[in-house]
C-alpha atoms as a PDB file:
ATOM      1  CA  UNK A   1      -9.189  89.897  52.644  1.00  0.00           C
ATOM      2  CA  UNK A   2     -11.457  86.884  52.339  1.00  0.00           C
ATOM      3  CA  UNK A   3      -8.509  84.528  51.966  1.00  0.00           C
ATOM      4  CA  UNK A   4      -7.097  85.804  55.279  1.00  0.00           C
ATOM      5  CA  UNK A   5     -10.237  85.302  57.368  1.00  0.00           C
ATOM      6  CA  UNK A   6      -9.572  81.650  58.271  1.00  0.00           C
ATOM      7  CA  UNK A   7      -6.103  82.548  59.549  1.00  0.00           C
ATOM      8  CA  UNK A   8      -7.263  83.828  62.962  1.00  0.00           C
ATOM      9  CA  UNK A   9      -9.243  80.639  63.584  1.00  0.00           C
ATOM     10  CA  UNK A  10      -6.177  78.558  62.761  1.00  0.00           C
ATOM     11  CA  UNK A  11      -4.020  80.706  65.036  1.00  0.00           C
ATOM     12  CA  UNK A  12      -6.486  80.400  67.899  1.00  0.00           C
ATOM     13  CA  UNK A  13      -6.649  76.631  67.494  1.00  0.00           C
ATOM     14  CA  UNK A  14      -2.876  76.174  67.237  1.00  0.00           C
ATOM     15  CA  UNK A  15      -1.914  76.583  70.879  1.00  0.00           C
ATOM     16  CA  UNK A  16      -2.412  78.590  74.038  1.00  0.00           C
ATOM     17  CA  UNK A  17      -4.637  81.643  73.784  1.00  0.00           C
ATOM     18  CA  UNK A  18      -2.731  84.573  72.289  1.00  0.00           C
ATOM     19  CA  UNK A  19      -2.701  88.213  73.210  1.00  0.00           C
ATOM     20  CA  UNK A  20      -4.966  89.776  70.577  1.00  0.00           C
ATOM     21  CA  UNK A  21      -4.226  93.345  69.533  1.00  0.00           C
ATOM     22  CA  UNK A  22      -6.474  95.558  67.438  1.00  0.00           C
ATOM     23  CA  UNK A  23      -6.381  99.313  67.048  1.00  0.00           C
ATOM     24  CA  UNK A  24      -9.637  99.997  65.248  1.00  0.00           C
ATOM     25  CA  UNK A  25     -10.007 100.940  61.615  1.00  0.00           C
ATOM     26  CA  UNK A  26      -8.030 104.196  61.413  1.00  0.00           C
ATOM     27  CA  UNK A  27      -5.091 103.811  63.784  1.00  0.00           C
ATOM     28  CA  UNK A  28      -3.199 100.766  62.445  1.00  0.00           C
ATOM     29  CA  UNK A  29      -1.591 102.829  59.691  1.00  0.00           C
ATOM     30  CA  UNK A  30       0.147 105.054  62.261  1.00  0.00           C
ATOM     31  CA  UNK A  31       0.688 102.477  64.986  1.00  0.00           C
ATOM     32  CA  UNK A  32       3.581 100.328  63.751  1.00  0.00           C
ATOM     33  CA  UNK A  33       5.740 101.311  66.767  1.00  0.00           C
ATOM     34  CA  UNK A  34       2.970 100.184  69.145  1.00  0.00           C
ATOM     35  CA  UNK A  35       2.548  96.875  67.334  1.00  0.00           C
ATOM     36  CA  UNK A  36       6.319  96.298  67.612  1.00  0.00           C
ATOM     37  CA  UNK A  37       6.270  97.264  71.300  1.00  0.00           C
ATOM     38  CA  UNK A  38       3.452  94.837  72.091  1.00  0.00           C
ATOM     39  CA  UNK A  39       5.038  92.023  70.070  1.00  0.00           C
ATOM     40  CA  UNK A  40       8.340  92.582  71.822  1.00  0.00           C
ATOM     41  CA  UNK A  41       6.593  92.407  75.208  1.00  0.00           C
ATOM     42  CA  UNK A  42       4.706  89.256  74.208  1.00  0.00           C
ATOM     43  CA  UNK A  43       7.883  87.538  73.040  1.00  0.00           C
ATOM     44  CA  UNK A  44       9.672  88.485  76.273  1.00  0.00           C
ATOM     45  CA  UNK A  45       6.797  86.848  78.177  1.00  0.00           C
ATOM     46  CA  UNK A  46       6.714  83.749  75.954  1.00  0.00           C
ATOM     47  CA  UNK A  47       3.228  84.739  74.843  1.00  0.00           C
ATOM     48  CA  UNK A  48       1.749  84.277  71.376  1.00  0.00           C
ATOM     49  CA  UNK A  49       0.396  87.395  69.653  1.00  0.00           C
ATOM     50  CA  UNK A  50      -2.311  87.902  67.030  1.00  0.00           C
ATOM     51  CA  UNK A  51      -2.340  91.407  65.543  1.00  0.00           C
ATOM     52  CA  UNK A  52      -5.375  92.668  63.654  1.00  0.00           C
ATOM     53  CA  UNK A  53      -4.796  95.465  61.142  1.00  0.00           C
ATOM     54  CA  UNK A  54      -1.064  94.931  60.997  1.00  0.00           C
ATOM     55  CA  UNK A  55       1.143  93.716  58.176  1.00  0.00           C
ATOM     56  CA  UNK A  56       4.084  91.487  59.087  1.00  0.00           C
ATOM     57  CA  UNK A  57       6.363  93.939  57.248  1.00  0.00           C
ATOM     58  CA  UNK A  58       5.527  96.597  59.875  1.00  0.00           C
ATOM     59  CA  UNK A  59       7.124  94.369  62.502  1.00  0.00           C
ATOM     60  CA  UNK A  60      10.504  93.848  60.862  1.00  0.00           C
ATOM     61  CA  UNK A  61      12.387  90.890  62.340  1.00  0.00           C
ATOM     62  CA  UNK A  62       9.799  90.548  65.120  1.00  0.00           C
ATOM     63  CA  UNK A  63       7.273  89.456  62.491  1.00  0.00           C
ATOM     64  CA  UNK A  64       9.381  86.420  61.641  1.00  0.00           C
ATOM     65  CA  UNK A  65       8.690  84.725  64.973  1.00  0.00           C
ATOM     66  CA  UNK A  66       6.342  81.720  64.808  1.00  0.00           C
ATOM     67  CA  UNK A  67       4.699  83.173  67.944  1.00  0.00           C
ATOM     68  CA  UNK A  68       3.516  86.244  66.005  1.00  0.00           C
ATOM     69  CA  UNK A  69       0.594  86.271  63.596  1.00  0.00           C
ATOM     70  CA  UNK A  70      -0.917  89.152  61.656  1.00  0.00           C
ATOM     71  CA  UNK A  71      -4.153  89.605  59.774  1.00  0.00           C
ATOM     72  CA  UNK A  72      -5.322  92.688  57.914  1.00  0.00           C
ATOM     73  CA  UNK A  73      -8.883  92.407  59.222  1.00  0.00           C
ATOM     74  CA  UNK A  74     -11.031  90.195  61.427  1.00  0.00           C
ATOM     75  CA  UNK A  75     -14.083  90.804  63.639  1.00  0.00           C
ATOM     76  CA  UNK A  76     -13.016  91.563  67.194  1.00  0.00           C
ATOM     77  CA  UNK A  77     -15.827  89.838  69.059  1.00  0.00           C
ATOM     78  CA  UNK A  78     -14.831  86.196  68.379  1.00  0.00           C
ATOM     79  CA  UNK A  79     -11.095  86.922  68.632  1.00  0.00           C
ATOM     80  CA  UNK A  80     -11.303  88.833  71.897  1.00  0.00           C
ATOM     81  CA  UNK A  81     -13.439  86.071  73.406  1.00  0.00           C
ATOM     82  CA  UNK A  82     -10.638  83.546  72.812  1.00  0.00           C
ATOM     83  CA  UNK A  83      -7.730  85.783  73.790  1.00  0.00           C
ATOM     84  CA  UNK A  84      -5.523  85.494  76.850  1.00  0.00           C
ATOM     85  CA  UNK A  85      -5.658  89.304  77.014  1.00  0.00           C
ATOM     86  CA  UNK A  86      -6.689  92.087  74.653  1.00  0.00           C
ATOM     87  CA  UNK A  87      -4.701  95.152  73.601  1.00  0.00           C
ATOM     88  CA  UNK A  88      -6.724  97.941  71.985  1.00  0.00           C
ATOM     89  CA  UNK A  89      -6.953 101.714  71.671  1.00  0.00           C
ATOM     90  CA  UNK A  90      -9.970 102.238  73.912  1.00  0.00           C
ATOM     91  CA  UNK A  91     -12.505 103.270  71.282  1.00  0.00           C
ATOM     92  CA  UNK A  92     -16.059 102.576  72.379  1.00  0.00           C
ATOM     93  CA  UNK A  93     -16.633  99.654  69.985  1.00  0.00           C
ATOM     94  CA  UNK A  94     -13.334  97.952  70.813  1.00  0.00           C
ATOM     95  CA  UNK A  95     -13.854  98.609  74.524  1.00  0.00           C
ATOM     96  CA  UNK A  96     -17.347  97.095  74.409  1.00  0.00           C
ATOM     97  CA  UNK A  97     -16.090  93.999  72.581  1.00  0.00           C
ATOM     98  CA  UNK A  98     -13.245  93.630  75.072  1.00  0.00           C
ATOM     99  CA  UNK A  99     -15.554  94.009  78.072  1.00  0.00           C
ATOM    100  CA  UNK A 100     -17.969  91.411  76.682  1.00  0.00           C
ATOM    101  CA  UNK A 101     -15.071  88.988  76.111  1.00  0.00           C
ATOM    102  CA  UNK A 102     -14.378  88.560  79.813  1.00  0.00           C
ATOM    103  CA  UNK A 103     -10.652  89.008  79.207  1.00  0.00           C
ATOM    104  CA  UNK A 104      -8.589  91.869  80.651  1.00  0.00           C
ATOM    105  CA  UNK A 105      -7.383  94.680  78.400  1.00  0.00           C
ATOM    106  CA  UNK A 106      -4.380  96.880  77.956  1.00  0.00           C
ATOM    107  CA  UNK A 107      -5.781 100.131  76.590  1.00  0.00           C
ATOM    108  CA  UNK A 108      -3.262 102.187  74.610  1.00  0.00           C
ATOM    109  CA  UNK A 109      -5.319 105.367  74.288  1.00  0.00           C
ATOM    110  CA  UNK A 110      -4.592 107.839  71.480  1.00  0.00           C
ATOM    111  CA  UNK A 111      -7.220 110.540  72.153  1.00  0.00           C
ATOM    112  CA  UNK A 112     -10.912 111.479  72.225  1.00  0.00           C
ATOM    113  CA  UNK A 113     -13.048 109.139  74.365  1.00  0.00           C
ATOM    114  CA  UNK A 114     -10.282 106.522  74.503  1.00  0.00           C
ATOM    115  CA  UNK A 115      -8.666 107.967  77.639  1.00  0.00           C
ATOM    116  CA  UNK A 116     -11.976 108.024  79.495  1.00  0.00           C
ATOM    117  CA  UNK A 117     -12.807 104.470  78.414  1.00  0.00           C
ATOM    118  CA  UNK A 118      -9.320 103.350  79.467  1.00  0.00           C
ATOM    119  CA  UNK A 119      -9.590 105.110  82.825  1.00  0.00           C
ATOM    120  CA  UNK A 120     -12.994 103.523  83.473  1.00  0.00           C
ATOM    121  CA  UNK A 121     -11.733 100.065  82.535  1.00  0.00           C
ATOM    122  CA  UNK A 122      -8.787 100.425  84.901  1.00  0.00           C
ATOM    123  CA  UNK A 123     -11.022 101.896  87.609  1.00  0.00           C
ATOM    124  CA  UNK A 124     -13.306  98.852  87.316  1.00  0.00           C
ATOM    125  CA  UNK A 125     -10.328  96.512  87.633  1.00  0.00           C
ATOM    126  CA  UNK A 126     -10.697  94.965  84.177  1.00  0.00           C
ATOM    127  CA  UNK A 127      -7.514  96.226  82.591  1.00  0.00           C
ATOM    128  CA  UNK A 128      -4.673  98.679  82.433  1.00  0.00           C
ATOM    129  CA  UNK A 129      -4.958 102.138  80.856  1.00  0.00           C
ATOM    130  CA  UNK A 130      -1.770 103.427  79.276  1.00  0.00           C
ATOM    131  CA  UNK A 131      -1.838 106.622  77.211  1.00  0.00           C
ATOM    132  CA  UNK A 132       0.009 106.034  73.929  1.00  0.00           C
ATOM    133  CA  UNK A 133       2.505 108.797  74.661  1.00  0.00           C
ATOM    134  CA  UNK A 134       3.561 107.008  77.876  1.00  0.00           C
ATOM    135  CA  UNK A 135       3.804 103.557  76.315  1.00  0.00           C
ATOM    136  CA  UNK A 136       7.154 101.826  76.499  1.00  0.00           C
ATOM    137  CA  UNK A 137       8.158  98.200  76.216  1.00  0.00           C
ATOM    138  CA  UNK A 138       8.597  97.903  79.983  1.00  0.00           C
ATOM    139  CA  UNK A 139       5.207  99.527  80.739  1.00  0.00           C
ATOM    140  CA  UNK A 140       3.413  97.404  78.136  1.00  0.00           C
ATOM    141  CA  UNK A 141       5.124  94.282  79.512  1.00  0.00           C
ATOM    142  CA  UNK A 142       4.065  95.170  83.069  1.00  0.00           C
ATOM    143  CA  UNK A 143       0.493  95.839  81.892  1.00  0.00           C
ATOM    144  CA  UNK A 144       0.375  92.503  80.058  1.00  0.00           C
ATOM    145  CA  UNK A 145       1.680  90.663  83.120  1.00  0.00           C
ATOM    146  CA  UNK A 146      -1.150  92.163  85.161  1.00  0.00           C
ATOM    147  CA  UNK A 147      -3.734  91.181  82.548  1.00  0.00           C
ATOM    148  CA  UNK A 148      -2.332  87.687  82.076  1.00  0.00           C
ATOM    149  CA  UNK A 149      -1.446  86.750  85.656  1.00  0.00           C
ATOM    150  CA  UNK A 150      -3.336  88.874  88.186  1.00  0.00           C
ATOM    151  CA  UNK A 151      -6.285  86.797  89.361  1.00  0.00           C
ATOM    152  CA  UNK A 152      -8.206  89.812  90.665  1.00  0.00           C
ATOM    153  CA  UNK A 153      -8.032  91.510  87.251  1.00  0.00           C
ATOM    154  CA  UNK A 154      -9.039  88.299  85.504  1.00  0.00           C
ATOM    155  CA  UNK A 155     -11.907  87.696  87.942  1.00  0.00           C
ATOM    156  CA  UNK A 156     -13.208  91.270  87.616  1.00  0.00           C
ATOM    157  CA  UNK A 157     -13.097  90.913  83.815  1.00  0.00           C
ATOM    158  CA  UNK A 158     -15.093  87.669  83.877  1.00  0.00           C
ATOM    159  CA  UNK A 159     -17.650  89.024  86.340  1.00  0.00           C
ATOM    160  CA  UNK A 160     -18.199  92.247  84.411  1.00  0.00           C
ATOM    161  CA  UNK A 161     -18.646  90.297  81.171  1.00  0.00           C
ATOM    162  CA  UNK A 162     -21.210  88.039  82.842  1.00  0.00           C
ATOM    163  CA  UNK A 163     -23.083  91.107  84.076  1.00  0.00           C
ATOM    164  CA  UNK A 164     -23.043  92.736  80.630  1.00  0.00           C
ATOM    165  CA  UNK A 165     -24.140  89.567  78.870  1.00  0.00           C
ATOM    166  CA  UNK A 166     -26.986  89.066  81.361  1.00  0.00           C
ATOM    167  CA  UNK A 167     -28.522  92.399  80.311  1.00  0.00           C
ATOM    168  CA  UNK A 168     -30.992  92.525  77.435  1.00  0.00           C
ATOM    169  CA  UNK A 169     -29.513  93.680  74.147  1.00  0.00           C
ATOM    170  CA  UNK A 170     -29.023  97.440  74.059  1.00  0.00           C
ATOM    171  CA  UNK A 171     -31.477  97.912  71.207  1.00  0.00           C
ATOM    172  CA  UNK A 172     -34.142  95.939  73.044  1.00  0.00           C
ATOM    173  CA  UNK A 173     -33.581  97.922  76.239  1.00  0.00           C
ATOM    174  CA  UNK A 174     -33.795 101.239  74.349  1.00  0.00           C
ATOM    175  CA  UNK A 175     -37.113 100.178  72.800  1.00  0.00           C
ATOM    176  CA  UNK A 176     -38.429  99.146  76.226  1.00  0.00           C
ATOM    177  CA  UNK A 177     -37.510 102.551  77.672  1.00  0.00           C
ATOM    178  CA  UNK A 178     -39.057 104.475  74.775  1.00  0.00           C
ATOM    179  CA  UNK A 179     -42.271 102.417  74.924  1.00  0.00           C
ATOM    180  CA  UNK A 180     -42.495 102.795  78.697  1.00  0.00           C
ATOM    181  CA  UNK A 181     -42.140 106.570  78.400  1.00  0.00           C
ATOM    182  CA  UNK A 182     -44.713 106.708  75.578  1.00  0.00           C
ATOM    183  CA  UNK A 183     -47.191 104.742  77.716  1.00  0.00           C
ATOM    184  CA  UNK A 184     -47.091 107.356  80.500  1.00  0.00           C
END
């Protein structure tokens, strides 16, 4: 793992911002078809892709493209911040990192809170929510085009990130609220 950590930095520095895809810590083992779908869409769009939690072997021939890079693990925050767009599963941690990045997201929701987080992201104009069961290459491609090219989506993403980053850290705000209530 440690030997792979510099790879994302090299990928990010080697050209235009890639689409960065990460599916959290549990889903990558069952998500090979989604990784292949997203890579196929990226290649059709001439877009580089950086996949976190994916082995090149999972991609078959698609993994041989010089436009496609994989890494078994990397922290999302710095990668999402330098992405052209983010593809993730809609878990709360991944969603928060994506929102703070200022880049639009394609949310491929599997279950639990992911659908709600995806719906809310789409409703706020900062991405496209696509339930995993409805994902297809054409739908993922269309979602990526919106995230990469639609200026309204990109502007909403930047503005929401600025608003989030302007707020005090969540822990600090929680302490403020607890102390204010205790003072009453």
